[in-house]
Each structure stands twice: as C-alpha cells, then as structure tokens.
Amino acid sequence: MNRETQQRIDRIIDLLDQKKAEDIQVFDLSDKEYLTRYVIIATTLGDKHTLALLGYLKEMLKPAGEKFVAVEEGEQWTIVDLGDIMIHLMVPSYRAKYNLEEFLESLEKRESES
C-alpha cells in the first residue's frame, strides 16, 4: 500500500472513530479477486447513526478531494464506494448476519499474470 492510500484509510478510520463507529476493520484485498483494493467495515450504533456517519464522511472527505463514485444508502447498511476503497457501515445485527469479514478473508488470491 502506498503512503497516500494509507493516509486516506487512516483519515477515514479517524473520522469514523471520532463519531463513535465501533469495531472498525480494514481489509487489504489488493492481491485478491475482488472489485476494490481495500474494504473498511464499521459497526454503527443504530439506524440514525448509520446515516449520520455517511453525512459526516461526505462533509469531511469531499472537500479533501475524495471522490464518491457511488453510495448505496440504507439505515441498516450503507456502502460508500470511493473507487479503490469501499466502506461498509452496518448496524450490529446486519454485521453479524452477513459476516463480510469471513467472506473477504476467503477470497482467492489473484493468479500471477504471465
């Protein structure tokens, strides 16, 4: 991971932490078969907190030059696509039910290109 990407991820983690997101995890998928390079998963305190976190991320990251490619907004599960970084904000019941961590850890490594 290059320095700029690490700084972006650190900033996102810090912003989520400031607004009381819990159990923040980062997955480096740059060597895996997946649609993005990095995934950040955070547990929210509830429906309103999920949407408030999304608003805060937009407020703080857009002026810093972060491009929001797509946002799938929901009270229980919101997905923010920044291109090379994807953020999942999930209420505890959704995080437990969908267990993205297990899925992401099970992804196959990319085969080396010849």
C-alpha atoms as a PDB file:
ATOM      1  CA  MET A   1       0.000   0.000   0.000  1.00  0.00           C
ATOM      2  CA  ASN A   2       1.397   3.370  -0.917  1.00  0.00           C
ATOM      3  CA  ARG A   3       1.704   6.214   1.558  1.00  0.00           C
ATOM      4  CA  GLU A   4      -1.149   8.273   0.088  1.00  0.00           C
ATOM      5  CA  THR A   5      -3.593   5.350   0.279  1.00  0.00           C
ATOM      6  CA  GLN A   6      -2.530   4.622   3.861  1.00  0.00           C
ATOM      7  CA  GLN A   7      -3.144   8.273   4.776  1.00  0.00           C
ATOM      8  CA  ARG A   8      -6.617   8.156   3.191  1.00  0.00           C
ATOM      9  CA  ILE A   9      -7.509   4.983   5.068  1.00  0.00           C
ATOM     10  CA  ASP A  10      -6.143   6.411   8.332  1.00  0.00           C
ATOM     11  CA  ARG A  11      -8.250   9.556   7.819  1.00  0.00           C
ATOM     12  CA  ILE A  12     -11.415   7.514   7.217  1.00  0.00           C
ATOM     13  CA  ILE A  13     -10.747   5.391  10.304  1.00  0.00           C
ATOM     14  CA  ASP A  14     -10.138   8.527  12.365  1.00  0.00           C
ATOM     15  CA  LEU A  15     -13.363  10.153  11.149  1.00  0.00           C
ATOM     16  CA  LEU A  16     -15.381   7.029  11.915  1.00  0.00           C
ATOM     17  CA  ASP A  17     -13.774   6.745  15.338  1.00  0.00           C
ATOM     18  CA  GLN A  18     -14.481  10.416  16.129  1.00  0.00           C
ATOM     19  CA  LYS A  19     -18.193   9.785  15.549  1.00  0.00           C
ATOM     20  CA  LYS A  20     -18.304   6.619  17.675  1.00  0.00           C
ATOM     21  CA  ALA A  21     -18.296   3.909  15.000  1.00  0.00           C
ATOM     22  CA  GLU A  22     -17.233   0.621  16.566  1.00  0.00           C
ATOM     23  CA  ASP A  23     -15.120  -2.410  15.600  1.00  0.00           C
ATOM     24  CA  ILE A  24     -13.525  -0.695  12.593  1.00  0.00           C
ATOM     25  CA  GLN A  25     -11.633  -3.157  10.412  1.00  0.00           C
ATOM     26  CA  VAL A  26      -9.612  -2.708   7.238  1.00  0.00           C
ATOM     27  CA  PHE A  27      -9.088  -5.421   4.641  1.00  0.00           C
ATOM     28  CA  ASP A  28      -6.292  -5.197   2.068  1.00  0.00           C
ATOM     29  CA  LEU A  29      -7.644  -7.004  -0.971  1.00  0.00           C
ATOM     30  CA  SER A  30      -5.124  -5.684  -3.478  1.00  0.00           C
ATOM     31  CA  ASP A  31      -3.872  -9.215  -4.160  1.00  0.00           C
ATOM     32  CA  LYS A  32      -7.335 -10.823  -4.179  1.00  0.00           C
ATOM     33  CA  GLU A  33     -10.048 -11.325  -6.779  1.00  0.00           C
ATOM     34  CA  TYR A  34     -12.381  -8.513  -5.709  1.00  0.00           C
ATOM     35  CA  LEU A  35     -13.835  -5.335  -7.162  1.00  0.00           C
ATOM     36  CA  THR A  36     -11.882  -2.941  -4.944  1.00  0.00           C
ATOM     37  CA  ARG A  37      -8.469  -2.841  -3.306  1.00  0.00           C
ATOM     38  CA  TYR A  38      -9.439  -2.002   0.289  1.00  0.00           C
ATOM     39  CA  VAL A  39     -12.554  -2.501   2.373  1.00  0.00           C
ATOM     40  CA  ILE A  40     -13.336  -0.748   5.647  1.00  0.00           C
ATOM     41  CA  ILE A  41     -16.139  -2.172   7.793  1.00  0.00           C
ATOM     42  CA  ALA A  42     -17.530  -0.335  10.817  1.00  0.00           C
ATOM     43  CA  THR A  43     -20.385  -1.083  13.178  1.00  0.00           C
ATOM     44  CA  THR A  44     -22.841   1.728  13.827  1.00  0.00           C
ATOM     45  CA  LEU A  45     -24.909   2.344  16.938  1.00  0.00           C
ATOM     46  CA  GLY A  46     -28.198   2.159  15.038  1.00  0.00           C
ATOM     47  CA  ASP A  47     -30.173   3.340  12.029  1.00  0.00           C
ATOM     48  CA  LYS A  48     -29.795   7.083  12.564  1.00  0.00           C
ATOM     49  CA  HIS A  49     -26.115   6.704  13.410  1.00  0.00           C
ATOM     50  CA  THR A  50     -25.507   4.909  10.094  1.00  0.00           C
ATOM     51  CA  LEU A  51     -26.929   7.824   8.122  1.00  0.00           C
ATOM     52  CA  ALA A  52     -25.188  10.392  10.329  1.00  0.00           C
ATOM     53  CA  LEU A  53     -21.835   8.696   9.696  1.00  0.00           C
ATOM     54  CA  LEU A  54     -22.451   8.825   5.956  1.00  0.00           C
ATOM     55  CA  GLY A  55     -23.235  12.538   6.165  1.00  0.00           C
ATOM     56  CA  TYR A  56     -20.108  13.184   8.209  1.00  0.00           C
ATOM     57  CA  LEU A  57     -17.890  11.251   5.788  1.00  0.00           C
ATOM     58  CA  LYS A  58     -19.272  13.256   2.866  1.00  0.00           C
ATOM     59  CA  GLU A  59     -18.844  16.531   4.742  1.00  0.00           C
ATOM     60  CA  MET A  60     -15.239  15.811   5.674  1.00  0.00           C
ATOM     61  CA  LEU A  61     -13.929  13.800   2.711  1.00  0.00           C
ATOM     62  CA  LYS A  62     -15.346  15.645  -0.306  1.00  0.00           C
ATOM     63  CA  PRO A  63     -13.507  18.915   0.466  1.00  0.00           C
ATOM     64  CA  ALA A  64     -10.327  16.845   0.897  1.00  0.00           C
ATOM     65  CA  GLY A  65     -10.691  15.670  -2.719  1.00  0.00           C
ATOM     66  CA  GLU A  66     -12.188  12.238  -2.105  1.00  0.00           C
ATOM     67  CA  LYS A  67     -14.445  11.134  -4.979  1.00  0.00           C
ATOM     68  CA  PHE A  68     -17.661   9.338  -4.043  1.00  0.00           C
ATOM     69  CA  VAL A  69     -18.127   7.005  -7.021  1.00  0.00           C
ATOM     70  CA  ALA A  70     -21.353   5.521  -5.642  1.00  0.00           C
ATOM     71  CA  VAL A  71     -23.308   5.367  -2.392  1.00  0.00           C
ATOM     72  CA  GLU A  72     -25.865   2.694  -1.542  1.00  0.00           C
ATOM     73  CA  GLU A  73     -27.702   4.347   1.323  1.00  0.00           C
ATOM     74  CA  GLY A  74     -29.665   2.422   3.908  1.00  0.00           C
ATOM     75  CA  GLU A  75     -30.357   2.755   7.612  1.00  0.00           C
ATOM     76  CA  GLN A  76     -29.025  -0.702   8.494  1.00  0.00           C
ATOM     77  CA  TRP A  77     -26.268  -0.965   5.891  1.00  0.00           C
ATOM     78  CA  THR A  78     -24.692   1.819   3.870  1.00  0.00           C
ATOM     79  CA  ILE A  79     -21.977   1.234   1.287  1.00  0.00           C
ATOM     80  CA  VAL A  80     -19.651   4.010   0.149  1.00  0.00           C
ATOM     81  CA  ASP A  81     -17.584   3.359  -2.984  1.00  0.00           C
ATOM     82  CA  LEU A  82     -14.516   5.574  -3.293  1.00  0.00           C
ATOM     83  CA  GLY A  83     -13.120   3.571  -6.214  1.00  0.00           C
ATOM     84  CA  ASP A  84     -10.184   1.813  -4.611  1.00  0.00           C
ATOM     85  CA  ILE A  85     -11.688   1.913  -1.094  1.00  0.00           C
ATOM     86  CA  MET A  86     -15.134   0.647  -0.143  1.00  0.00           C
ATOM     87  CA  ILE A  87     -16.695   1.497   3.226  1.00  0.00           C
ATOM     88  CA  HIS A  88     -19.450  -0.603   4.812  1.00  0.00           C
ATOM     89  CA  LEU A  89     -21.374   0.982   7.704  1.00  0.00           C
ATOM     90  CA  MET A  90     -23.576  -1.637   9.352  1.00  0.00           C
ATOM     91  CA  VAL A  91     -25.815  -1.948  12.394  1.00  0.00           C
ATOM     92  CA  PRO A  92     -24.693  -4.822  14.674  1.00  0.00           C
ATOM     93  CA  SER A  93     -27.417  -7.260  13.556  1.00  0.00           C
ATOM     94  CA  TYR A  94     -26.533  -6.823   9.857  1.00  0.00           C
ATOM     95  CA  ARG A  95     -22.832  -7.130  10.518  1.00  0.00           C
ATOM     96  CA  ALA A  96     -23.398 -10.394  12.383  1.00  0.00           C
ATOM     97  CA  LYS A  97     -25.880 -11.722   9.815  1.00  0.00           C
ATOM     98  CA  TYR A  98     -23.829 -11.013   6.687  1.00  0.00           C
ATOM     99  CA  ASN A  99     -20.366 -11.623   8.210  1.00  0.00           C
ATOM    100  CA  LEU A 100     -18.458  -9.805   5.466  1.00  0.00           C
ATOM    101  CA  GLU A 101     -15.189 -10.399   7.294  1.00  0.00           C
ATOM    102  CA  GLU A 102     -15.390 -14.155   6.706  1.00  0.00           C
ATOM    103  CA  PHE A 103     -16.292 -13.640   3.045  1.00  0.00           C
ATOM    104  CA  LEU A 104     -13.444 -11.188   2.439  1.00  0.00           C
ATOM    105  CA  GLU A 105     -10.918 -13.435   4.161  1.00  0.00           C
ATOM    106  CA  SER A 106     -11.999 -16.372   1.990  1.00  0.00           C
ATOM    107  CA  LEU A 107     -11.342 -14.641  -1.347  1.00  0.00           C
ATOM    108  CA  GLU A 108      -8.856 -16.310  -3.647  1.00  0.00           C
ATOM    109  CA  LYS A 109      -5.548 -14.697  -4.448  1.00  0.00           C
ATOM    110  CA  ARG A 110      -5.180 -13.323  -7.955  1.00  0.00           C
ATOM    111  CA  GLU A 111      -3.200 -15.523 -10.246  1.00  0.00           C
ATOM    112  CA  SER A 112       0.050 -14.013 -11.433  1.00  0.00           C
ATOM    113  CA  GLU A 113      -0.155 -12.683 -14.930  1.00  0.00           C
ATOM    114  CA  SER A 114       2.369 -14.310 -17.262  1.00  0.00           C
END
